[in-house]
């Protein structure tokens, strides 16, 4: 058995330790904000934070999260997370919404590491997140707005 600290709460994992972390998050923990997109860590819909860093949960075995801090979209509570979520609302970023939890997770990690990101910083940090609706210009604008609200 593994124990994983997810969103501040230690939970016991019943699945095989090699099960992709995404399925433990969704099926065992009931946290369905993290989405399945491609299954090969290419689209970013399954992005979570492990020790504050974005990671694709669809291809990571569950055992790698043992003893580490796992945060899903449901557990975001930092000032950066609140700023990003508000900017997403203010700028009406979401179109279909499927990729947005992964987009938000990557944006929050970016702002935690780089409080005043350039367009290049944003493009590099968000490159692993695909938006089928192509709201990339709104995503970038929302990240800039969130950064501005954090430094104001």
Foldseek 3Di string as FASTA:
>chain_A
DFWAQELNRIDDFPDDQQQQQLCCVCPVVVNPQQDDDPLPLQAQSRWKDWQLHTDRRSRHGNNVRGPIYIYFLVNDDDLLLVLLVVLCVVLVLDDPPSSVRRLSSLLSSLCVVPLQDDPVSSCVSCVRHDDPVPSVVSSSVSSNRSSVVVVD
